[in-house]
């Protein structure tokens, strides 16, 4: 009887998973397969007919200097931004986990930008940093300090740094909240025992807090990696990929090619971008799972 009940329970679990599996297939597997199929064609996105051209789109990508530059921009932003977000979010969380006057206000102030659309936030910063009539330029003019102003968004060397800074300012609050949730799950007795044994604050953080924060670190690393490698909104609002193509990411490159009648090529780039996101995320998951087992 127990075996029958267990078997019925397992079948019920499988049956309950069917709706989720169907949704996953309809909204992920089928579009991915359709995208791979279109990536093998010369479709322009408008005509009903197209020709299969094999792997030509993928080969063209690796011979396209502009596409390779978009790949470099994506990787630079997608690796630097998560590192800064995770580090700054952890520092904020460690600070606000202590007894601090006004920490509720600070927590709200730091997290608030994360609830605003990245596109809107990008336009807000564009209004501040615009080289023609931006608020920062007008403020410096009023203070007779206009010589201090620099057209950061118009500089190929500085524009990407500004975008990373704006993204950091907006989403560090999300990383902070995840870390704070993890810190609240650590028993105070553990830290108290470490202090009794003579461990200092940073020693406790290194050998006790960080290992116990691995689940929160995993969430932040994965979400920030995916979001940063797929960045579109903030670049579109601040620079639209400029000056020239200096800050053009793969997502913006895909959009421009798609609307310029190169949908087959744009879809091939999207498939490559999927791999660009999948590989670092998989490596990060493997490394963190390994660290979790070793801990």
C-alpha atoms as a PDB file:
ATOM      1  CA  UNK A   1       0.000   0.000   0.000  1.00  0.00           C
ATOM      2  CA  UNK A   2       2.816   2.414   0.899  1.00  0.00           C
ATOM      3  CA  UNK A   3       4.505   1.692  -2.433  1.00  0.00           C
ATOM      4  CA  UNK A   4       1.255   2.393  -4.307  1.00  0.00           C
ATOM      5  CA  UNK A   5       0.755   5.677  -2.451  1.00  0.00           C
ATOM      6  CA  UNK A   6       4.338   6.718  -3.189  1.00  0.00           C
ATOM      7  CA  UNK A   7       3.922   5.875  -6.886  1.00  0.00           C
ATOM      8  CA  UNK A   8       0.653   7.803  -7.099  1.00  0.00           C
ATOM      9  CA  UNK A   9       2.296  10.788  -5.373  1.00  0.00           C
ATOM     10  CA  UNK A  10       5.170  10.793  -7.895  1.00  0.00           C
ATOM     11  CA  UNK A  11       2.746  10.633 -10.834  1.00  0.00           C
ATOM     12  CA  UNK A  12       0.741  13.484  -9.316  1.00  0.00           C
ATOM     13  CA  UNK A  13       3.907  15.602  -9.049  1.00  0.00           C
ATOM     14  CA  UNK A  14       4.711  14.927 -12.701  1.00  0.00           C
ATOM     15  CA  UNK A  15       1.140  15.782 -13.694  1.00  0.00           C
ATOM     16  CA  UNK A  16       1.296  19.075 -11.767  1.00  0.00           C
ATOM     17  CA  UNK A  17       4.543  19.945 -13.545  1.00  0.00           C
ATOM     18  CA  UNK A  18       2.957  19.594 -16.992  1.00  0.00           C
ATOM     19  CA  UNK A  19       1.521  23.171 -17.153  1.00  0.00           C
ATOM     20  CA  UNK A  20       4.903  24.674 -16.273  1.00  0.00           C
ATOM     21  CA  UNK A  21       6.640  22.469 -18.845  1.00  0.00           C
ATOM     22  CA  UNK A  22       4.107  23.485 -21.507  1.00  0.00           C
ATOM     23  CA  UNK A  23       4.614  27.168 -20.744  1.00  0.00           C
ATOM     24  CA  UNK A  24       8.384  26.698 -20.889  1.00  0.00           C
ATOM     25  CA  UNK A  25       8.075  24.959 -24.246  1.00  0.00           C
ATOM     26  CA  UNK A  26       5.706  27.550 -25.734  1.00  0.00           C
ATOM     27  CA  UNK A  27       7.550  30.651 -24.545  1.00  0.00           C
ATOM     28  CA  UNK A  28      11.183  29.454 -24.642  1.00  0.00           C
ATOM     29  CA  UNK A  29      11.881  26.223 -26.540  1.00  0.00           C
ATOM     30  CA  UNK A  30       9.663  26.985 -29.557  1.00  0.00           C
ATOM     31  CA  UNK A  31      10.853  30.620 -29.995  1.00  0.00           C
ATOM     32  CA  UNK A  32      14.482  29.480 -29.585  1.00  0.00           C
ATOM     33  CA  UNK A  33      14.054  26.790 -32.248  1.00  0.00           C
ATOM     34  CA  UNK A  34      12.307  29.291 -34.526  1.00  0.00           C
ATOM     35  CA  UNK A  35      15.127  31.779 -33.982  1.00  0.00           C
ATOM     36  CA  UNK A  36      17.775  29.188 -34.852  1.00  0.00           C
ATOM     37  CA  UNK A  37      15.838  28.362 -38.032  1.00  0.00           C
ATOM     38  CA  UNK A  38      15.562  32.016 -39.092  1.00  0.00           C
ATOM     39  CA  UNK A  39      19.259  32.558 -38.332  1.00  0.00           C
ATOM     40  CA  UNK A  40      20.034  30.150 -41.171  1.00  0.00           C
ATOM     41  CA  UNK A  41      18.156  32.282 -43.726  1.00  0.00           C
ATOM     42  CA  UNK A  42      18.525  35.601 -45.541  1.00  0.00           C
ATOM     43  CA  UNK A  43      15.072  36.825 -44.404  1.00  0.00           C
ATOM     44  CA  UNK A  44      14.656  40.609 -44.405  1.00  0.00           C
ATOM     45  CA  UNK A  45      11.784  40.597 -41.898  1.00  0.00           C
ATOM     46  CA  UNK A  46       9.134  41.778 -44.369  1.00  0.00           C
ATOM     47  CA  UNK A  47       8.760  39.452 -47.346  1.00  0.00           C
ATOM     48  CA  UNK A  48       7.052  36.085 -46.852  1.00  0.00           C
ATOM     49  CA  UNK A  49       9.814  34.206 -48.637  1.00  0.00           C
ATOM     50  CA  UNK A  50      13.461  33.614 -47.775  1.00  0.00           C
ATOM     51  CA  UNK A  51      16.366  31.363 -48.687  1.00  0.00           C
ATOM     52  CA  UNK A  52      18.316  29.040 -46.423  1.00  0.00           C
ATOM     53  CA  UNK A  53      21.971  30.061 -46.513  1.00  0.00           C
ATOM     54  CA  UNK A  54      23.392  27.729 -43.867  1.00  0.00           C
ATOM     55  CA  UNK A  55      25.950  29.193 -41.464  1.00  0.00           C
ATOM     56  CA  UNK A  56      26.786  32.230 -43.609  1.00  0.00           C
ATOM     57  CA  UNK A  57      25.270  34.683 -41.090  1.00  0.00           C
ATOM     58  CA  UNK A  58      27.408  33.257 -38.300  1.00  0.00           C
ATOM     59  CA  UNK A  59      30.530  33.378 -40.451  1.00  0.00           C
ATOM     60  CA  UNK A  60      29.730  36.976 -41.450  1.00  0.00           C
ATOM     61  CA  UNK A  61      29.449  37.918 -37.776  1.00  0.00           C
ATOM     62  CA  UNK A  62      33.048  36.966 -37.041  1.00  0.00           C
ATOM     63  CA  UNK A  63      34.213  38.929 -40.095  1.00  0.00           C
ATOM     64  CA  UNK A  64      32.183  42.027 -39.174  1.00  0.00           C
ATOM     65  CA  UNK A  65      34.347  44.545 -37.292  1.00  0.00           C
ATOM     66  CA  UNK A  66      31.318  46.411 -35.977  1.00  0.00           C
ATOM     67  CA  UNK A  67      29.784  43.179 -34.676  1.00  0.00           C
ATOM     68  CA  UNK A  68      33.033  42.190 -32.947  1.00  0.00           C
ATOM     69  CA  UNK A  69      33.180  45.649 -31.355  1.00  0.00           C
ATOM     70  CA  UNK A  70      29.592  45.202 -30.093  1.00  0.00           C
ATOM     71  CA  UNK A  71      30.666  41.855 -28.628  1.00  0.00           C
ATOM     72  CA  UNK A  72      33.604  43.531 -26.847  1.00  0.00           C
ATOM     73  CA  UNK A  73      31.328  46.261 -25.438  1.00  0.00           C
ATOM     74  CA  UNK A  74      28.836  43.644 -24.229  1.00  0.00           C
ATOM     75  CA  UNK A  75      31.527  41.567 -22.521  1.00  0.00           C
ATOM     76  CA  UNK A  76      33.195  44.623 -20.968  1.00  0.00           C
ATOM     77  CA  UNK A  77      29.923  45.922 -19.553  1.00  0.00           C
ATOM     78  CA  UNK A  78      28.628  42.450 -18.698  1.00  0.00           C
ATOM     79  CA  UNK A  79      31.676  41.496 -16.639  1.00  0.00           C
ATOM     80  CA  UNK A  80      32.617  44.814 -15.006  1.00  0.00           C
ATOM     81  CA  UNK A  81      29.094  45.883 -14.025  1.00  0.00           C
ATOM     82  CA  UNK A  82      28.149  42.694 -12.068  1.00  0.00           C
ATOM     83  CA  UNK A  83      31.471  42.808 -10.219  1.00  0.00           C
ATOM     84  CA  UNK A  84      30.861  46.401  -9.107  1.00  0.00           C
ATOM     85  CA  UNK A  85      27.208  45.743  -8.269  1.00  0.00           C
ATOM     86  CA  UNK A  86      28.004  42.697  -6.119  1.00  0.00           C
ATOM     87  CA  UNK A  87      30.887  44.414  -4.303  1.00  0.00           C
ATOM     88  CA  UNK A  88      29.068  47.714  -3.669  1.00  0.00           C
ATOM     89  CA  UNK A  89      25.844  45.931  -2.687  1.00  0.00           C
ATOM     90  CA  UNK A  90      27.747  43.797  -0.179  1.00  0.00           C
ATOM     91  CA  UNK A  91      29.427  46.852   1.366  1.00  0.00           C
ATOM     92  CA  UNK A  92      26.076  48.636   1.707  1.00  0.00           C
ATOM     93  CA  UNK A  93      24.501  45.524   3.265  1.00  0.00           C
ATOM     94  CA  UNK A  94      27.330  45.065   5.772  1.00  0.00           C
ATOM     95  CA  UNK A  95      27.053  48.737   6.727  1.00  0.00           C
ATOM     96  CA  UNK A  96      23.275  48.669   7.135  1.00  0.00           C
ATOM     97  CA  UNK A  97      23.334  45.366   9.036  1.00  0.00           C
ATOM     98  CA  UNK A  98      24.892  47.229  11.975  1.00  0.00           C
ATOM     99  CA  UNK A  99      23.140  49.553  14.398  1.00  0.00           C
ATOM    100  CA  UNK A 100      23.118  52.797  12.435  1.00  0.00           C
ATOM    101  CA  UNK A 101      20.973  55.885  12.908  1.00  0.00           C
ATOM    102  CA  UNK A 102      18.722  56.468   9.899  1.00  0.00           C
ATOM    103  CA  UNK A 103      19.577  53.179   8.223  1.00  0.00           C
ATOM    104  CA  UNK A 104      15.925  52.721   7.183  1.00  0.00           C
ATOM    105  CA  UNK A 105      16.084  55.982   5.222  1.00  0.00           C
ATOM    106  CA  UNK A 106      19.438  55.041   3.680  1.00  0.00           C
ATOM    107  CA  UNK A 107      18.122  51.633   2.664  1.00  0.00           C
ATOM    108  CA  UNK A 108      15.067  53.195   1.026  1.00  0.00           C
ATOM    109  CA  UNK A 109      17.136  55.893  -0.693  1.00  0.00           C
ATOM    110  CA  UNK A 110      19.616  53.379  -2.120  1.00  0.00           C
ATOM    111  CA  UNK A 111      16.941  50.914  -3.269  1.00  0.00           C
ATOM    112  CA  UNK A 112      14.488  53.434  -4.747  1.00  0.00           C
ATOM    113  CA  UNK A 113      16.240  53.863  -8.160  1.00  0.00           C
ATOM    114  CA  UNK A 114      15.913  50.101  -8.770  1.00  0.00           C
ATOM    115  CA  UNK A 115      12.114  50.380  -9.067  1.00  0.00           C
ATOM    116  CA  UNK A 116      12.387  52.891 -11.936  1.00  0.00           C
ATOM    117  CA  UNK A 117      12.597  51.726 -15.549  1.00  0.00           C
ATOM    118  CA  UNK A 118      16.219  51.718 -16.813  1.00  0.00           C
ATOM    119  CA  UNK A 119      15.035  53.577 -19.914  1.00  0.00           C
ATOM    120  CA  UNK A 120      13.509  56.368 -17.827  1.00  0.00           C
ATOM    121  CA  UNK A 121      16.568  56.472 -15.574  1.00  0.00           C
ATOM    122  CA  UNK A 122      18.764  56.776 -18.643  1.00  0.00           C
ATOM    123  CA  UNK A 123      16.781  59.757 -19.899  1.00  0.00           C
ATOM    124  CA  UNK A 124      16.974  61.381 -16.458  1.00  0.00           C
ATOM    125  CA  UNK A 125      20.764  61.131 -16.490  1.00  0.00           C
ATOM    126  CA  UNK A 126      20.794  62.360 -20.090  1.00  0.00           C
ATOM    127  CA  UNK A 127      18.977  65.499 -18.937  1.00  0.00           C
ATOM    128  CA  UNK A 128      21.648  65.942 -16.281  1.00  0.00           C
ATOM    129  CA  UNK A 129      24.696  65.276 -18.447  1.00  0.00           C
ATOM    130  CA  UNK A 130      23.608  66.647 -21.828  1.00  0.00           C
ATOM    131  CA  UNK A 131      26.409  68.716 -23.361  1.00  0.00           C
ATOM    132  CA  UNK A 132      24.072  71.360 -24.838  1.00  0.00           C
ATOM    133  CA  UNK A 133      21.620  72.228 -22.076  1.00  0.00           C
ATOM    134  CA  UNK A 134      22.092  69.633 -19.344  1.00  0.00           C
ATOM    135  CA  UNK A 135      21.348  70.483 -15.725  1.00  0.00           C
ATOM    136  CA  UNK A 136      24.952  69.891 -14.686  1.00  0.00           C
ATOM    137  CA  UNK A 137      26.271  72.263 -17.358  1.00  0.00           C
ATOM    138  CA  UNK A 138      23.755  74.955 -16.369  1.00  0.00           C
ATOM    139  CA  UNK A 139      24.633  74.563 -12.689  1.00  0.00           C
ATOM    140  CA  UNK A 140      28.346  74.943 -13.405  1.00  0.00           C
ATOM    141  CA  UNK A 141      27.602  77.978 -15.574  1.00  0.00           C
ATOM    142  CA  UNK A 142      25.714  79.587 -12.706  1.00  0.00           C
ATOM    143  CA  UNK A 143      28.712  78.957 -10.438  1.00  0.00           C
ATOM    144  CA  UNK A 144      31.129  80.234 -13.132  1.00  0.00           C
ATOM    145  CA  UNK A 145      32.757  76.805 -13.169  1.00  0.00           C
ATOM    146  CA  UNK A 146      31.838  75.746 -16.715  1.00  0.00           C
ATOM    147  CA  UNK A 147      35.505  74.916 -17.387  1.00  0.00           C
ATOM    148  CA  UNK A 148      35.044  71.936 -15.072  1.00  0.00           C
ATOM    149  CA  UNK A 149      32.442  70.412 -17.374  1.00  0.00           C
ATOM    150  CA  UNK A 150      33.398  67.516 -19.603  1.00  0.00           C
ATOM    151  CA  UNK A 151      31.255  65.986 -22.335  1.00  0.00           C
ATOM    152  CA  UNK A 152      31.527  62.483 -20.926  1.00  0.00           C
ATOM    153  CA  UNK A 153      28.741  61.065 -23.104  1.00  0.00           C
ATOM    154  CA  UNK A 154      30.421  62.483 -26.219  1.00  0.00           C
ATOM    155  CA  UNK A 155      33.770  60.890 -25.449  1.00  0.00           C
ATOM    156  CA  UNK A 156      34.367  57.350 -26.796  1.00  0.00           C
ATOM    157  CA  UNK A 157      36.718  56.690 -23.864  1.00  0.00           C
ATOM    158  CA  UNK A 158      34.364  57.945 -21.131  1.00  0.00           C
ATOM    159  CA  UNK A 159      30.853  57.130 -22.369  1.00  0.00           C
ATOM    160  CA  UNK A 160      30.904  53.447 -21.384  1.00  0.00           C
ATOM    161  CA  UNK A 161      32.242  54.346 -17.929  1.00  0.00           C
ATOM    162  CA  UNK A 162      29.326  56.744 -17.455  1.00  0.00           C
ATOM    163  CA  UNK A 163      26.878  53.994 -18.470  1.00  0.00           C
ATOM    164  CA  UNK A 164      28.467  51.559 -15.997  1.00  0.00           C
ATOM    165  CA  UNK A 165      28.243  54.236 -13.288  1.00  0.00           C
ATOM    166  CA  UNK A 166      24.568  54.964 -13.986  1.00  0.00           C
ATOM    167  CA  UNK A 167      23.752  51.231 -13.993  1.00  0.00           C
ATOM    168  CA  UNK A 168      25.647  50.819 -10.706  1.00  0.00           C
ATOM    169  CA  UNK A 169      23.818  53.749  -9.105  1.00  0.00           C
ATOM    170  CA  UNK A 170      20.444  52.354 -10.180  1.00  0.00           C
ATOM    171  CA  UNK A 171      20.752  48.674  -9.304  1.00  0.00           C
ATOM    172  CA  UNK A 172      23.126  48.562  -6.340  1.00  0.00           C
ATOM    173  CA  UNK A 173      20.043  48.769  -4.116  1.00  0.00           C
ATOM    174  CA  UNK A 174      18.708  45.479  -5.487  1.00  0.00           C
ATOM    175  CA  UNK A 175      21.986  43.710  -4.703  1.00  0.00           C
ATOM    176  CA  UNK A 176      21.986  45.312  -1.251  1.00  0.00           C
ATOM    177  CA  UNK A 177      18.467  44.042  -0.439  1.00  0.00           C
ATOM    178  CA  UNK A 178      19.374  40.474  -1.465  1.00  0.00           C
ATOM    179  CA  UNK A 179      22.474  40.569   0.741  1.00  0.00           C
ATOM    180  CA  UNK A 180      20.510  42.054   3.652  1.00  0.00           C
ATOM    181  CA  UNK A 181      17.998  39.206   3.385  1.00  0.00           C
ATOM    182  CA  UNK A 182      20.897  36.749   3.539  1.00  0.00           C
ATOM    183  CA  UNK A 183      22.481  38.521   6.522  1.00  0.00           C
ATOM    184  CA  UNK A 184      19.211  38.436   8.436  1.00  0.00           C
ATOM    185  CA  UNK A 185      19.165  34.663   7.982  1.00  0.00           C
ATOM    186  CA  UNK A 186      22.507  34.281   9.799  1.00  0.00           C
ATOM    187  CA  UNK A 187      22.047  33.485  13.472  1.00  0.00           C
ATOM    188  CA  UNK A 188      23.489  36.190  15.781  1.00  0.00           C
ATOM    189  CA  UNK A 189      24.885  33.418  17.976  1.00  0.00           C
ATOM    190  CA  UNK A 190      27.338  32.451  15.206  1.00  0.00           C
ATOM    191  CA  UNK A 191      28.892  35.918  15.074  1.00  0.00           C
ATOM    192  CA  UNK A 192      28.817  36.157  18.862  1.00  0.00           C
ATOM    193  CA  UNK A 193      30.722  32.877  19.171  1.00  0.00           C
ATOM    194  CA  UNK A 194      33.334  34.150  16.717  1.00  0.00           C
ATOM    195  CA  UNK A 195      33.787  37.346  18.734  1.00  0.00           C
ATOM    196  CA  UNK A 196      34.168  35.343  21.956  1.00  0.00           C
ATOM    197  CA  UNK A 197      36.898  33.293  20.244  1.00  0.00           C
ATOM    198  CA  UNK A 198      38.748  36.540  19.486  1.00  0.00           C
ATOM    199  CA  UNK A 199      37.915  36.947  15.792  1.00  0.00           C
ATOM    200  CA  UNK A 200      37.840  40.540  14.529  1.00  0.00           C
ATOM    201  CA  UNK A 201      35.093  42.024  12.376  1.00  0.00           C
ATOM    202  CA  UNK A 202      36.714  41.454   8.985  1.00  0.00           C
ATOM    203  CA  UNK A 203      37.904  37.971   9.992  1.00  0.00           C
ATOM    204  CA  UNK A 204      34.312  37.113  10.914  1.00  0.00           C
ATOM    205  CA  UNK A 205      33.077  38.501   7.600  1.00  0.00           C
ATOM    206  CA  UNK A 206      35.640  36.533   5.604  1.00  0.00           C
ATOM    207  CA  UNK A 207      35.381  33.148   7.290  1.00  0.00           C
ATOM    208  CA  UNK A 208      31.793  33.110   8.580  1.00  0.00           C
ATOM    209  CA  UNK A 209      29.572  35.721   6.928  1.00  0.00           C
ATOM    210  CA  UNK A 210      30.661  35.263   3.303  1.00  0.00           C
ATOM    211  CA  UNK A 211      30.388  31.421   3.293  1.00  0.00           C
ATOM    212  CA  UNK A 212      26.906  31.695   4.811  1.00  0.00           C
ATOM    213  CA  UNK A 213      25.992  34.332   2.198  1.00  0.00           C
ATOM    214  CA  UNK A 214      26.758  32.047  -0.758  1.00  0.00           C
ATOM    215  CA  UNK A 215      23.052  31.638  -1.712  1.00  0.00           C
ATOM    216  CA  UNK A 216      22.606  35.434  -1.793  1.00  0.00           C
ATOM    217  CA  UNK A 217      25.878  35.851  -3.698  1.00  0.00           C
ATOM    218  CA  UNK A 218      24.690  33.271  -6.219  1.00  0.00           C
ATOM    219  CA  UNK A 219      21.420  35.148  -6.804  1.00  0.00           C
ATOM    220  CA  UNK A 220      23.189  38.474  -7.266  1.00  0.00           C
ATOM    221  CA  UNK A 221      25.902  37.136  -9.564  1.00  0.00           C
ATOM    222  CA  UNK A 222      23.469  35.309 -11.853  1.00  0.00           C
ATOM    223  CA  UNK A 223      20.844  38.064 -12.080  1.00  0.00           C
ATOM    224  CA  UNK A 224      23.439  40.797 -12.579  1.00  0.00           C
ATOM    225  CA  UNK A 225      25.331  38.768 -15.193  1.00  0.00           C
ATOM    226  CA  UNK A 226      22.191  38.125 -17.220  1.00  0.00           C
ATOM    227  CA  UNK A 227      20.961  41.708 -16.924  1.00  0.00           C
ATOM    228  CA  UNK A 228      24.337  43.250 -17.760  1.00  0.00           C
ATOM    229  CA  UNK A 229      25.114  41.023 -20.743  1.00  0.00           C
ATOM    230  CA  UNK A 230      21.658  41.764 -22.176  1.00  0.00           C
ATOM    231  CA  UNK A 231      21.918  45.513 -21.490  1.00  0.00           C
ATOM    232  CA  UNK A 232      19.837  47.672 -23.804  1.00  0.00           C
ATOM    233  CA  UNK A 233      17.707  50.330 -22.103  1.00  0.00           C
ATOM    234  CA  UNK A 234      20.304  52.486 -20.390  1.00  0.00           C
ATOM    235  CA  UNK A 235      22.623  52.526 -23.426  1.00  0.00           C
ATOM    236  CA  UNK A 236      19.727  53.330 -25.743  1.00  0.00           C
ATOM    237  CA  UNK A 237      18.668  56.272 -23.578  1.00  0.00           C
ATOM    238  CA  UNK A 238      22.088  57.729 -22.794  1.00  0.00           C
ATOM    239  CA  UNK A 239      24.112  57.294 -25.981  1.00  0.00           C
ATOM    240  CA  UNK A 240      22.068  55.159 -28.410  1.00  0.00           C
ATOM    241  CA  UNK A 241      25.289  53.257 -28.985  1.00  0.00           C
ATOM    242  CA  UNK A 242      27.347  56.387 -29.668  1.00  0.00           C
ATOM    243  CA  UNK A 243      29.415  58.358 -30.030  1.00  0.00           C
ATOM    244  CA  UNK A 244      29.711  56.591 -33.349  1.00  0.00           C
ATOM    245  CA  UNK A 245      29.478  52.945 -32.332  1.00  0.00           C
ATOM    246  CA  UNK A 246      31.660  53.259 -29.228  1.00  0.00           C
ATOM    247  CA  UNK A 247      28.998  51.981 -26.790  1.00  0.00           C
ATOM    248  CA  UNK A 248      26.929  49.823 -29.136  1.00  0.00           C
ATOM    249  CA  UNK A 249      26.096  46.568 -27.362  1.00  0.00           C
ATOM    250  CA  UNK A 250      24.976  43.364 -29.051  1.00  0.00           C
ATOM    251  CA  UNK A 251      21.339  44.013 -28.171  1.00  0.00           C
ATOM    252  CA  UNK A 252      21.398  47.422 -29.877  1.00  0.00           C
ATOM    253  CA  UNK A 253      23.324  45.938 -32.827  1.00  0.00           C
ATOM    254  CA  UNK A 254      20.598  43.276 -33.161  1.00  0.00           C
ATOM    255  CA  UNK A 255      17.821  45.875 -33.058  1.00  0.00           C
ATOM    256  CA  UNK A 256      19.436  48.057 -35.729  1.00  0.00           C
ATOM    257  CA  UNK A 257      20.082  45.162 -38.103  1.00  0.00           C
ATOM    258  CA  UNK A 258      16.576  43.818 -37.599  1.00  0.00           C
ATOM    259  CA  UNK A 259      14.966  47.139 -38.536  1.00  0.00           C
ATOM    260  CA  UNK A 260      17.391  47.645 -41.434  1.00  0.00           C
ATOM    261  CA  UNK A 261      16.129  44.591 -43.291  1.00  0.00           C
ATOM    262  CA  UNK A 262      18.751  42.086 -42.099  1.00  0.00           C
ATOM    263  CA  UNK A 263      16.501  40.014 -39.849  1.00  0.00           C
ATOM    264  CA  UNK A 264      18.220  36.713 -40.638  1.00  0.00           C
ATOM    265  CA  UNK A 265      21.615  38.159 -39.705  1.00  0.00           C
ATOM    266  CA  UNK A 266      20.172  39.879 -36.617  1.00  0.00           C
ATOM    267  CA  UNK A 267      18.659  36.586 -35.476  1.00  0.00           C
ATOM    268  CA  UNK A 268      22.014  34.844 -35.914  1.00  0.00           C
ATOM    269  CA  UNK A 269      23.604  37.532 -33.718  1.00  0.00           C
ATOM    270  CA  UNK A 270      20.817  36.948 -31.169  1.00  0.00           C
ATOM    271  CA  UNK A 271      21.673  33.234 -31.103  1.00  0.00           C
ATOM    272  CA  UNK A 272      25.328  34.133 -30.545  1.00  0.00           C
ATOM    273  CA  UNK A 273      24.272  36.538 -27.799  1.00  0.00           C
ATOM    274  CA  UNK A 274      22.302  33.714 -26.157  1.00  0.00           C
ATOM    275  CA  UNK A 275      25.532  31.684 -26.048  1.00  0.00           C
ATOM    276  CA  UNK A 276      27.469  34.717 -24.770  1.00  0.00           C
ATOM    277  CA  UNK A 277      25.044  34.944 -21.840  1.00  0.00           C
ATOM    278  CA  UNK A 278      24.723  31.201 -21.262  1.00  0.00           C
ATOM    279  CA  UNK A 279      28.445  30.424 -21.022  1.00  0.00           C
ATOM    280  CA  UNK A 280      29.436  32.943 -18.275  1.00  0.00           C
ATOM    281  CA  UNK A 281      26.279  32.166 -16.291  1.00  0.00           C
ATOM    282  CA  UNK A 282      26.947  28.421 -16.481  1.00  0.00           C
ATOM    283  CA  UNK A 283      30.583  28.900 -15.448  1.00  0.00           C
ATOM    284  CA  UNK A 284      29.546  31.159 -12.552  1.00  0.00           C
ATOM    285  CA  UNK A 285      26.962  28.605 -11.369  1.00  0.00           C
ATOM    286  CA  UNK A 286      29.534  25.800 -11.561  1.00  0.00           C
ATOM    287  CA  UNK A 287      32.124  27.776  -9.598  1.00  0.00           C
ATOM    288  CA  UNK A 288      29.640  28.804  -6.911  1.00  0.00           C
ATOM    289  CA  UNK A 289      28.217  25.286  -6.565  1.00  0.00           C
ATOM    290  CA  UNK A 290      31.778  24.021  -6.203  1.00  0.00           C
ATOM    291  CA  UNK A 291      32.516  26.637  -3.541  1.00  0.00           C
ATOM    292  CA  UNK A 292      29.257  25.744  -1.799  1.00  0.00           C
ATOM    293  CA  UNK A 293      30.229  22.062  -1.609  1.00  0.00           C
ATOM    294  CA  UNK A 294      33.736  22.886  -0.405  1.00  0.00           C
ATOM    295  CA  UNK A 295      32.332  25.156   2.299  1.00  0.00           C
END
